[in-house]
C-alpha atoms as a PDB file:
ATOM      1  CA  MET A   1       2.381   7.978  39.453  1.00  0.00           C
ATOM      2  CA  ILE A   2       5.106  10.883  37.860  1.00  0.00           C
ATOM      3  CA  ASP A   3       8.573  10.940  39.496  1.00  0.00           C
ATOM      4  CA  TRP A   4       9.498  14.619  38.929  1.00  0.00           C
ATOM      5  CA  ASP A   5      12.314  14.594  40.920  1.00  0.00           C
ATOM      6  CA  VAL A   6      13.948  12.240  38.585  1.00  0.00           C
ATOM      7  CA  ILE A   7      12.957  14.631  35.751  1.00  0.00           C
ATOM      8  CA  ALA A   8      14.151  17.788  37.590  1.00  0.00           C
ATOM      9  CA  ALA A   9      17.785  15.962  38.371  1.00  0.00           C
ATOM     10  CA  ALA A  10      17.568  15.618  34.284  1.00  0.00           C
ATOM     11  CA  ILE A  11      17.882  19.789  33.786  1.00  0.00           C
ATOM     12  CA  PRO A  12      21.514  21.601  34.012  1.00  0.00           C
ATOM     13  CA  GLY A  13      21.089  24.129  36.998  1.00  0.00           C
ATOM     14  CA  ARG A  14      19.424  22.405  40.379  1.00  0.00           C
ATOM     15  CA  PHE A  15      16.745  23.495  39.120  1.00  0.00           C
ATOM     16  CA  GLN A  16      13.487  22.388  41.321  1.00  0.00           C
ATOM     17  CA  ILE A  17      10.154  21.890  40.428  1.00  0.00           C
ATOM     18  CA  ALA A  18       7.732  24.603  42.015  1.00  0.00           C
ATOM     19  CA  HIS A  19       4.434  23.867  40.101  1.00  0.00           C
ATOM     20  CA  ALA A  20       3.572  20.966  37.566  1.00  0.00           C
ATOM     21  CA  THR A  21       0.888  22.278  35.218  1.00  0.00           C
ATOM     22  CA  PRO A  22      -1.463  19.463  32.389  1.00  0.00           C
ATOM     23  CA  LEU A  23      -1.424  21.184  28.848  1.00  0.00           C
ATOM     24  CA  ILE A  24      -4.239  20.019  26.184  1.00  0.00           C
ATOM     25  CA  GLY A  25      -3.416  19.508  22.965  1.00  0.00           C
ATOM     26  CA  GLY A  26      -1.724  16.406  22.466  1.00  0.00           C
ATOM     27  CA  CYS A  27      -3.603  13.115  21.648  1.00  0.00           C
ATOM     28  CA  ILE A  28      -0.204  10.563  22.078  1.00  0.00           C
ATOM     29  CA  ASN A  29       1.830  11.968  24.651  1.00  0.00           C
ATOM     30  CA  GLN A  30       1.157  13.669  28.336  1.00  0.00           C
ATOM     31  CA  ALA A  31       2.055  17.342  28.159  1.00  0.00           C
ATOM     32  CA  TRP A  32       3.055  19.888  30.845  1.00  0.00           C
ATOM     33  CA  ARG A  33       4.701  22.741  31.347  1.00  0.00           C
ATOM     34  CA  ILE A  34       7.164  23.031  34.900  1.00  0.00           C
ATOM     35  CA  GLU A  35       8.397  26.161  36.556  1.00  0.00           C
ATOM     36  CA  ASN A  36      10.303  26.917  39.597  1.00  0.00           C
ATOM     37  CA  GLY A  37       9.276  29.843  40.718  1.00  0.00           C
ATOM     38  CA  ASN A  38      11.739  32.144  39.487  1.00  0.00           C
ATOM     39  CA  GLY A  39      10.573  32.182  35.743  1.00  0.00           C
ATOM     40  CA  ALA A  40      12.373  29.473  34.529  1.00  0.00           C
ATOM     41  CA  ARG A  41       9.843  27.167  32.288  1.00  0.00           C
ATOM     42  CA  TYR A  42       9.752  23.778  30.554  1.00  0.00           C
ATOM     43  CA  PHE A  43       8.083  21.846  28.080  1.00  0.00           C
ATOM     44  CA  VAL A  44       7.939  18.027  29.382  1.00  0.00           C
ATOM     45  CA  LYS A  45       6.343  15.333  27.528  1.00  0.00           C
ATOM     46  CA  LEU A  46       5.698  12.097  28.947  1.00  0.00           C
ATOM     47  CA  ASN A  47       4.360   8.710  28.050  1.00  0.00           C
ATOM     48  CA  ASP A  48       5.146   4.908  29.172  1.00  0.00           C
ATOM     49  CA  SER A  49       8.887   4.008  29.602  1.00  0.00           C
ATOM     50  CA  ASN A  50       8.737   1.876  26.593  1.00  0.00           C
ATOM     51  CA  SER A  51       8.300   5.391  24.770  1.00  0.00           C
ATOM     52  CA  LEU A  52      12.306   6.112  25.435  1.00  0.00           C
ATOM     53  CA  PRO A  53      13.444   5.575  22.142  1.00  0.00           C
ATOM     54  CA  ILE A  54      11.070   7.176  20.418  1.00  0.00           C
ATOM     55  CA  PHE A  55      11.683  10.356  22.330  1.00  0.00           C
ATOM     56  CA  ALA A  56      15.651   9.758  21.498  1.00  0.00           C
ATOM     57  CA  GLU A  57      14.867   9.744  17.940  1.00  0.00           C
ATOM     58  CA  GLU A  58      12.264  12.938  18.360  1.00  0.00           C
ATOM     59  CA  ALA A  59      15.671  15.072  20.263  1.00  0.00           C
ATOM     60  CA  ALA A  60      17.928  13.658  17.367  1.00  0.00           C
ATOM     61  CA  GLY A  61      15.172  15.121  14.913  1.00  0.00           C
ATOM     62  CA  LEU A  62      14.955  18.364  16.176  1.00  0.00           C
ATOM     63  CA  ALA A  63      18.810  18.491  16.612  1.00  0.00           C
ATOM     64  CA  ALA A  64      19.273  17.848  12.846  1.00  0.00           C
ATOM     65  CA  ILE A  65      16.804  20.727  12.107  1.00  0.00           C
ATOM     66  CA  GLY A  66      18.038  23.271  14.857  1.00  0.00           C
ATOM     67  CA  ALA A  67      21.423  22.545  13.522  1.00  0.00           C
ATOM     68  CA  THR A  68      20.879  24.317  10.198  1.00  0.00           C
ATOM     69  CA  ARG A  69      20.278  27.507  11.691  1.00  0.00           C
ATOM     70  CA  THR A  70      17.718  28.157   8.935  1.00  0.00           C
ATOM     71  CA  VAL A  71      14.229  27.496  11.221  1.00  0.00           C
ATOM     72  CA  ARG A  72      13.496  27.855  15.384  1.00  0.00           C
ATOM     73  CA  VAL A  73      12.922  24.556  16.985  1.00  0.00           C
ATOM     74  CA  PRO A  74      12.864  24.029  20.583  1.00  0.00           C
ATOM     75  CA  GLN A  75      16.217  23.557  22.010  1.00  0.00           C
ATOM     76  CA  ILE A  76      16.348  20.295  23.877  1.00  0.00           C
ATOM     77  CA  ILE A  77      17.086  20.447  27.615  1.00  0.00           C
ATOM     78  CA  ALA A  78      16.842  16.621  28.187  1.00  0.00           C
ATOM     79  CA  HIS A  79      15.582  12.730  27.457  1.00  0.00           C
ATOM     80  CA  GLY A  80      14.881  10.134  29.851  1.00  0.00           C
ATOM     81  CA  SER A  81      13.317   7.312  32.046  1.00  0.00           C
ATOM     82  CA  ALA A  82      11.677   8.219  35.715  1.00  0.00           C
ATOM     83  CA  GLY A  83      10.134   5.177  36.840  1.00  0.00           C
ATOM     84  CA  ALA A  84       7.265   3.946  35.342  1.00  0.00           C
ATOM     85  CA  HIS A  85       7.598   7.417  32.587  1.00  0.00           C
ATOM     86  CA  ALA A  86       9.896   8.141  29.513  1.00  0.00           C
ATOM     87  CA  PHE A  87      10.000  11.970  29.301  1.00  0.00           C
ATOM     88  CA  LEU A  88      10.991  14.412  27.016  1.00  0.00           C
ATOM     89  CA  VAL A  89      11.875  18.283  28.230  1.00  0.00           C
ATOM     90  CA  LEU A  90      12.108  21.165  25.881  1.00  0.00           C
ATOM     91  CA  GLU A  91      12.201  24.981  25.766  1.00  0.00           C
ATOM     92  CA  TYR A  92       9.067  26.087  26.935  1.00  0.00           C
ATOM     93  CA  PHE A  93       7.133  28.739  24.352  1.00  0.00           C
ATOM     94  CA  ASP A  94       4.076  31.322  25.098  1.00  0.00           C
ATOM     95  CA  LEU A  95       2.978  30.237  21.075  1.00  0.00           C
ATOM     96  CA  ASN A  96       0.499  32.447  18.997  1.00  0.00           C
ATOM     97  CA  ASN A  97      -1.336  30.920  15.791  1.00  0.00           C
ATOM     98  CA  ASP A  98      -0.014  34.390  13.568  1.00  0.00           C
ATOM     99  CA  GLY A  99       3.073  35.126  12.925  1.00  0.00           C
ATOM    100  CA  ASN A 100       5.437  36.308   9.876  1.00  0.00           C
ATOM    101  CA  ALA A 101       4.140  33.686   7.674  1.00  0.00           C
ATOM    102  CA  ARG A 102       7.173  35.273   5.060  1.00  0.00           C
ATOM    103  CA  LEU A 103      10.012  34.663   6.520  1.00  0.00           C
ATOM    104  CA  LEU A 104       8.533  31.022   7.605  1.00  0.00           C
ATOM    105  CA  GLY A 105       8.636  30.539   3.916  1.00  0.00           C
ATOM    106  CA  GLN A 106      11.578  31.712   3.492  1.00  0.00           C
ATOM    107  CA  GLN A 107      13.291  29.775   6.291  1.00  0.00           C
ATOM    108  CA  LEU A 108      11.797  26.599   5.144  1.00  0.00           C
ATOM    109  CA  ALA A 109      13.356  27.320   1.711  1.00  0.00           C
ATOM    110  CA  ALA A 110      16.762  27.664   3.895  1.00  0.00           C
ATOM    111  CA  LEU A 111      15.922  24.281   5.542  1.00  0.00           C
ATOM    112  CA  HIS A 112      15.262  22.650   2.288  1.00  0.00           C
ATOM    113  CA  ARG A 113      18.816  23.688   0.959  1.00  0.00           C
ATOM    114  CA  ASN A 114      20.662  21.064   3.412  1.00  0.00           C
ATOM    115  CA  THR A 115      21.183  18.594   1.174  1.00  0.00           C
ATOM    116  CA  SER A 116      22.378  14.950   1.356  1.00  0.00           C
ATOM    117  CA  LYS A 117      23.921  12.476  -1.075  1.00  0.00           C
ATOM    118  CA  GLN A 118      21.060  10.036  -0.423  1.00  0.00           C
ATOM    119  CA  PHE A 119      17.394   9.935   0.837  1.00  0.00           C
ATOM    120  CA  GLY A 120      16.339   8.756   4.112  1.00  0.00           C
ATOM    121  CA  PHE A 121      17.766   9.731   7.727  1.00  0.00           C
ATOM    122  CA  ALA A 122      20.509   8.486   9.982  1.00  0.00           C
ATOM    123  CA  HIS A 123      17.809   6.363  11.844  1.00  0.00           C
ATOM    124  CA  ASN A 124      13.628   5.462  11.923  1.00  0.00           C
ATOM    125  CA  ASN A 125      11.520   7.462  13.200  1.00  0.00           C
ATOM    126  CA  MET A 126       7.914   8.165  14.394  1.00  0.00           C
ATOM    127  CA  LEU A 127       5.113   9.629  12.085  1.00  0.00           C
ATOM    128  CA  GLY A 128       2.030  10.133  15.035  1.00  0.00           C
ATOM    129  CA  GLU A 129       2.162   6.560  16.129  1.00  0.00           C
ATOM    130  CA  THR A 130       3.201   4.865  13.081  1.00  0.00           C
ATOM    131  CA  PRO A 131       6.719   3.846  12.217  1.00  0.00           C
ATOM    132  CA  GLN A 132       8.558   5.530   9.587  1.00  0.00           C
ATOM    133  CA  HIS A 133      11.489   4.143   8.318  1.00  0.00           C
ATOM    134  CA  ASN A 134      14.371   5.442   6.654  1.00  0.00           C
ATOM    135  CA  ASP A 135      16.374   3.346   4.902  1.00  0.00           C
ATOM    136  CA  ARG A 136      18.992   5.426   3.171  1.00  0.00           C
ATOM    137  CA  SER A 137      18.584   4.854  -0.577  1.00  0.00           C
ATOM    138  CA  SER A 138      20.091   7.039  -3.859  1.00  0.00           C
ATOM    139  CA  ASP A 139      17.105   6.228  -5.836  1.00  0.00           C
ATOM    140  CA  TRP A 140      14.086   8.281  -4.756  1.00  0.00           C
ATOM    141  CA  ILE A 141      11.551   6.520  -6.520  1.00  0.00           C
ATOM    142  CA  ILE A 142      12.522   3.792  -5.271  1.00  0.00           C
ATOM    143  CA  PHE A 143      12.754   4.690  -1.651  1.00  0.00           C
ATOM    144  CA  TRP A 144       9.044   6.544  -2.064  1.00  0.00           C
ATOM    145  CA  SER A 145       7.849   3.235  -3.012  1.00  0.00           C
ATOM    146  CA  GLU A 146       9.239   0.644  -0.560  1.00  0.00           C
ATOM    147  CA  GLN A 147       9.212   2.515   2.548  1.00  0.00           C
ATOM    148  CA  ARG A 148       6.532   5.276   2.078  1.00  0.00           C
ATOM    149  CA  LEU A 149       3.929   3.910  -0.135  1.00  0.00           C
ATOM    150  CA  SER A 150       4.252  -0.079   0.254  1.00  0.00           C
ATOM    151  CA  PHE A 151       4.978   0.336   3.750  1.00  0.00           C
ATOM    152  CA  GLN A 152       1.528   2.396   4.304  1.00  0.00           C
ATOM    153  CA  LEU A 153      -0.460  -0.381   2.222  1.00  0.00           C
ATOM    154  CA  ASP A 154       0.688  -3.496   3.270  1.00  0.00           C
ATOM    155  CA  LEU A 155      -0.380  -1.850   7.024  1.00  0.00           C
ATOM    156  CA  ALA A 156      -3.473  -0.948   5.665  1.00  0.00           C
ATOM    157  CA  GLN A 157      -4.341  -4.812   4.560  1.00  0.00           C
ATOM    158  CA  ARG A 158      -3.176  -5.997   7.672  1.00  0.00           C
ATOM    159  CA  ASN A 159      -5.867  -3.696   9.243  1.00  0.00           C
ATOM    160  CA  GLY A 160      -8.631  -5.103   6.654  1.00  0.00           C
ATOM    161  CA  TYR A 161      -8.386  -2.354   3.749  1.00  0.00           C
ATOM    162  CA  GLY A 162      -7.894  -4.522   0.713  1.00  0.00           C
ATOM    163  CA  GLY A 163      -9.830  -4.671  -2.539  1.00  0.00           C
ATOM    164  CA  GLN A 164      -9.501  -1.807  -4.558  1.00  0.00           C
ATOM    165  CA  LEU A 165      -7.269   0.143  -2.232  1.00  0.00           C
ATOM    166  CA  GLN A 166      -4.466  -2.599  -2.683  1.00  0.00           C
ATOM    167  CA  LYS A 167      -5.298  -3.432  -6.296  1.00  0.00           C
ATOM    168  CA  MET A 168      -4.913   0.913  -7.412  1.00  0.00           C
ATOM    169  CA  GLY A 169      -2.136   1.472  -4.717  1.00  0.00           C
ATOM    170  CA  LEU A 170       0.097  -1.667  -7.009  1.00  0.00           C
ATOM    171  CA  GLN A 171      -0.770   0.095 -10.011  1.00  0.00           C
ATOM    172  CA  LEU A 172       0.447   3.551  -9.040  1.00  0.00           C
ATOM    173  CA  MET A 173       3.411   2.060  -7.680  1.00  0.00           C
ATOM    174  CA  GLU A 174       4.095   0.177 -10.564  1.00  0.00           C
ATOM    175  CA  GLN A 175       4.050   3.489 -12.627  1.00  0.00           C
ATOM    176  CA  LEU A 176       6.025   5.473 -10.198  1.00  0.00           C
ATOM    177  CA  PRO A 177       8.237   6.896 -12.840  1.00  0.00           C
ATOM    178  CA  GLU A 178       6.024   8.325 -15.027  1.00  0.00           C
ATOM    179  CA  PHE A 179       5.709  11.141 -12.166  1.00  0.00           C
ATOM    180  CA  PHE A 180       9.375  11.749 -12.556  1.00  0.00           C
ATOM    181  CA  SER A 181      10.545  11.250 -16.059  1.00  0.00           C
ATOM    182  CA  ASP A 182      11.195  15.401 -16.307  1.00  0.00           C
ATOM    183  CA  TYR A 183      11.890  15.922 -12.929  1.00  0.00           C
ATOM    184  CA  ARG A 184      14.907  14.910 -10.887  1.00  0.00           C
ATOM    185  CA  PRO A 185      14.362  15.188  -6.155  1.00  0.00           C
ATOM    186  CA  VAL A 186      17.472  16.689  -4.555  1.00  0.00           C
ATOM    187  CA  PRO A 187      17.841  14.850  -0.989  1.00  0.00           C
ATOM    188  CA  SER A 188      16.459  17.880   1.366  1.00  0.00           C
ATOM    189  CA  LEU A 189      15.963  17.701   4.725  1.00  0.00           C
ATOM    190  CA  LEU A 190      12.887  18.001   5.439  1.00  0.00           C
ATOM    191  CA  HIS A 191      10.240  18.415   8.764  1.00  0.00           C
ATOM    192  CA  GLY A 192       8.431  15.457   7.423  1.00  0.00           C
ATOM    193  CA  ASP A 193       5.684  15.895   9.478  1.00  0.00           C
ATOM    194  CA  LEU A 194       4.609  19.332   8.484  1.00  0.00           C
ATOM    195  CA  TRP A 195       0.922  20.417   8.981  1.00  0.00           C
ATOM    196  CA  GLY A 196      -0.436  23.378  10.629  1.00  0.00           C
ATOM    197  CA  GLY A 197      -0.416  21.954  14.383  1.00  0.00           C
ATOM    198  CA  ASN A 198       3.128  21.413  14.043  1.00  0.00           C
ATOM    199  CA  HIS A 199       3.914  25.149  13.604  1.00  0.00           C
ATOM    200  CA  ALA A 200       3.399  28.461  15.503  1.00  0.00           C
ATOM    201  CA  TYR A 201       4.681  31.779  16.508  1.00  0.00           C
ATOM    202  CA  LEU A 202       6.340  33.273  19.051  1.00  0.00           C
ATOM    203  CA  ALA A 203       5.245  36.482  20.265  1.00  0.00           C
ATOM    204  CA  ASP A 204       7.779  38.628  18.100  1.00  0.00           C
ATOM    205  CA  GLY A 205       6.311  36.817  15.437  1.00  0.00           C
ATOM    206  CA  THR A 206       9.179  34.388  14.663  1.00  0.00           C
ATOM    207  CA  PRO A 207       8.146  30.941  13.174  1.00  0.00           C
ATOM    208  CA  LEU A 208       8.756  27.642  15.220  1.00  0.00           C
ATOM    209  CA  LEU A 209       8.344  24.484  13.910  1.00  0.00           C
ATOM    210  CA  PHE A 210       7.989  21.614  16.069  1.00  0.00           C
ATOM    211  CA  ASP A 211       6.997  17.647  16.255  1.00  0.00           C
ATOM    212  CA  PRO A 212       9.430  16.661  12.834  1.00  0.00           C
ATOM    213  CA  ALA A 213       9.498  13.052  11.323  1.00  0.00           C
ATOM    214  CA  PRO A 214      12.483  14.404   9.727  1.00  0.00           C
ATOM    215  CA  TYR A 215      14.438  12.492   6.542  1.00  0.00           C
ATOM    216  CA  TYR A 216      16.113  13.793   3.258  1.00  0.00           C
ATOM    217  CA  GLY A 217      13.816  13.465   1.085  1.00  0.00           C
ATOM    218  CA  ASP A 218      11.708  15.390  -2.100  1.00  0.00           C
ATOM    219  CA  ARG A 219      11.080  19.414  -0.848  1.00  0.00           C
ATOM    220  CA  GLU A 220       7.897  18.667  -2.298  1.00  0.00           C
ATOM    221  CA  ALA A 221       6.612  16.682   0.019  1.00  0.00           C
ATOM    222  CA  ASP A 222       7.264  18.722   2.870  1.00  0.00           C
ATOM    223  CA  LEU A 223       4.963  21.679   0.520  1.00  0.00           C
ATOM    224  CA  ALA A 224       2.163  19.365   0.003  1.00  0.00           C
ATOM    225  CA  MET A 225       1.911  18.557   3.664  1.00  0.00           C
ATOM    226  CA  THR A 226       0.900  22.011   4.271  1.00  0.00           C
ATOM    227  CA  GLU A 227      -1.353  22.142   1.652  1.00  0.00           C
ATOM    228  CA  LEU A 228      -3.126  18.643   3.296  1.00  0.00           C
ATOM    229  CA  PHE A 229      -5.079  20.293   6.205  1.00  0.00           C
ATOM    230  CA  GLY A 230      -4.784  24.069   6.461  1.00  0.00           C
ATOM    231  CA  GLY A 231      -3.095  26.305   8.261  1.00  0.00           C
ATOM    232  CA  PHE A 232      -0.766  28.023   6.312  1.00  0.00           C
ATOM    233  CA  SER A 233      -0.988  31.516   4.531  1.00  0.00           C
ATOM    234  CA  PRO A 234      -0.925  32.648   0.620  1.00  0.00           C
ATOM    235  CA  GLU A 235       2.581  34.677   1.967  1.00  0.00           C
ATOM    236  CA  PHE A 236       3.898  31.801   3.281  1.00  0.00           C
ATOM    237  CA  TYR A 237       3.653  29.953   0.137  1.00  0.00           C
ATOM    238  CA  ALA A 238       4.962  33.335  -2.195  1.00  0.00           C
ATOM    239  CA  ALA A 239       7.931  33.670  -0.318  1.00  0.00           C
ATOM    240  CA  TYR A 240       8.712  30.045  -0.454  1.00  0.00           C
ATOM    241  CA  ARG A 241       8.426  29.935  -4.173  1.00  0.00           C
ATOM    242  CA  ALA A 242      10.327  33.250  -4.737  1.00  0.00           C
ATOM    243  CA  ALA A 243      13.378  31.808  -2.487  1.00  0.00           C
ATOM    244  CA  TRP A 244      12.772  28.582  -4.220  1.00  0.00           C
ATOM    245  CA  PRO A 245      10.863  27.510  -7.118  1.00  0.00           C
ATOM    246  CA  LEU A 246       8.732  24.618  -7.709  1.00  0.00           C
ATOM    247  CA  ASP A 247       8.553  22.797 -10.854  1.00  0.00           C
ATOM    248  CA  ALA A 248       5.399  22.607 -12.697  1.00  0.00           C
ATOM    249  CA  GLY A 249       4.691  18.679 -12.524  1.00  0.00           C
ATOM    250  CA  TYR A 250       4.545  19.610  -8.473  1.00  0.00           C
ATOM    251  CA  ALA A 251       0.669  20.145  -8.707  1.00  0.00           C
ATOM    252  CA  THR A 252       0.132  16.610  -9.618  1.00  0.00           C
ATOM    253  CA  ARG A 253       2.982  15.109  -7.303  1.00  0.00           C
ATOM    254  CA  LYS A 254       1.515  17.056  -4.225  1.00  0.00           C
ATOM    255  CA  ILE A 255      -1.274  14.677  -4.328  1.00  0.00           C
ATOM    256  CA  LEU A 256       1.001  11.576  -4.635  1.00  0.00           C
ATOM    257  CA  TYR A 257       3.315  12.865  -1.540  1.00  0.00           C
ATOM    258  CA  ASN A 258      -0.290  13.739   0.322  1.00  0.00           C
ATOM    259  CA  LEU A 259      -1.718   9.996  -0.144  1.00  0.00           C
ATOM    260  CA  TYR A 260       1.066   8.581   1.933  1.00  0.00           C
ATOM    261  CA  HIS A 261      -0.409  10.749   5.191  1.00  0.00           C
ATOM    262  CA  ILE A 262      -3.907  10.090   4.051  1.00  0.00           C
ATOM    263  CA  LEU A 263      -3.062   6.421   4.196  1.00  0.00           C
ATOM    264  CA  ASN A 264      -1.533   6.968   7.707  1.00  0.00           C
ATOM    265  CA  HIS A 265      -4.658   8.566   8.799  1.00  0.00           C
ATOM    266  CA  ALA A 266      -6.465   5.464   7.580  1.00  0.00           C
ATOM    267  CA  ASN A 267      -4.441   3.220   9.468  1.00  0.00           C
ATOM    268  CA  LEU A 268      -4.887   5.285  12.504  1.00  0.00           C
ATOM    269  CA  PHE A 269      -7.922   6.792  12.941  1.00  0.00           C
ATOM    270  CA  GLY A 270     -10.053   4.708   9.977  1.00  0.00           C
ATOM    271  CA  GLY A 271     -12.996   6.788   8.921  1.00  0.00           C
ATOM    272  CA  GLY A 272     -13.454   7.985   5.441  1.00  0.00           C
ATOM    273  CA  TYR A 273      -9.623   7.894   5.237  1.00  0.00           C
ATOM    274  CA  ALA A 274      -9.246   4.568   2.755  1.00  0.00           C
ATOM    275  CA  LYS A 275     -11.973   5.852   0.492  1.00  0.00           C
ATOM    276  CA  GLN A 276     -10.249   9.488   0.224  1.00  0.00           C
ATOM    277  CA  ALA A 277      -6.558   7.397  -0.326  1.00  0.00           C
ATOM    278  CA  GLU A 278      -8.615   5.376  -3.049  1.00  0.00           C
ATOM    279  CA  GLY A 279      -9.970   9.023  -4.777  1.00  0.00           C
ATOM    280  CA  MET A 280      -6.602  10.001  -4.497  1.00  0.00           C
ATOM    281  CA  MET A 281      -5.279   7.166  -6.471  1.00  0.00           C
ATOM    282  CA  GLN A 282      -8.172   7.475  -9.354  1.00  0.00           C
ATOM    283  CA  ARG A 283      -6.920  10.949  -9.949  1.00  0.00           C
ATOM    284  CA  LEU A 284      -3.060  10.249  -9.788  1.00  0.00           C
ATOM    285  CA  LEU A 285      -3.757   7.465 -12.486  1.00  0.00           C
ATOM    286  CA  LYS A 286      -6.180   9.610 -14.613  1.00  0.00           C
ATOM    287  CA  ASN A 287      -3.040  11.678 -14.833  1.00  0.00           C
ATOM    288  CA  MET A 288      -0.649   9.202 -16.137  1.00  0.00           C
END
């Protein structure tokens, strides 16, 4: 049973819940819209009480992106525990699939202009249901090898994906420097999980990003994921490139960056993702 009174008490302004409506779309958390009957509405994520640190990390990630004042993200209202549940309360929006894609491209480039001295982030977070480690590093190749590919490959080994996947993964990590022989990434603030389902538009066309897994990394990694499952328009890419052109080597490195996400999908969902990861590794090794 959900303790709505505790959740309402965490919201500023003596908010009283008149209606709580379950929403569809999420596969990890419960999603609800709460209303007070006077026009105020909020979006609520719920999970078991062990998820409180995860919601705190998500709130911190949204705050980091929001602080750049480059692209709209939901305002954080509250997070905490209510009986058997952890909760995260966010600003509520009626969302559209279409809007100002050109503006989104410009805003993402502006987000990426926010840089750090090191790769990584102030804390770890989650990529879906998988922990994502963000220990600081001044070396991007070491960061990507140890905290992205190696982590996913070790998890894949524990999940029964050995053989060629592990053999090619080891070969690839040994030769990572070849992909960066004439390219030096800067540590840009990334959304970190920028597939099509994690962006939308407000009624006036304003872009909105949500469900981030942020860290400071190569901006190409964000762009690569936008291409992995579709959902972004040619206008988006044209605007991004006009604001901040991409290096010619992106065409190859985007496979390297999306390999991380495909390995994560193999570990989460199984199916044909492991074979897809092997195919991506073959393409990368042939490009050396």
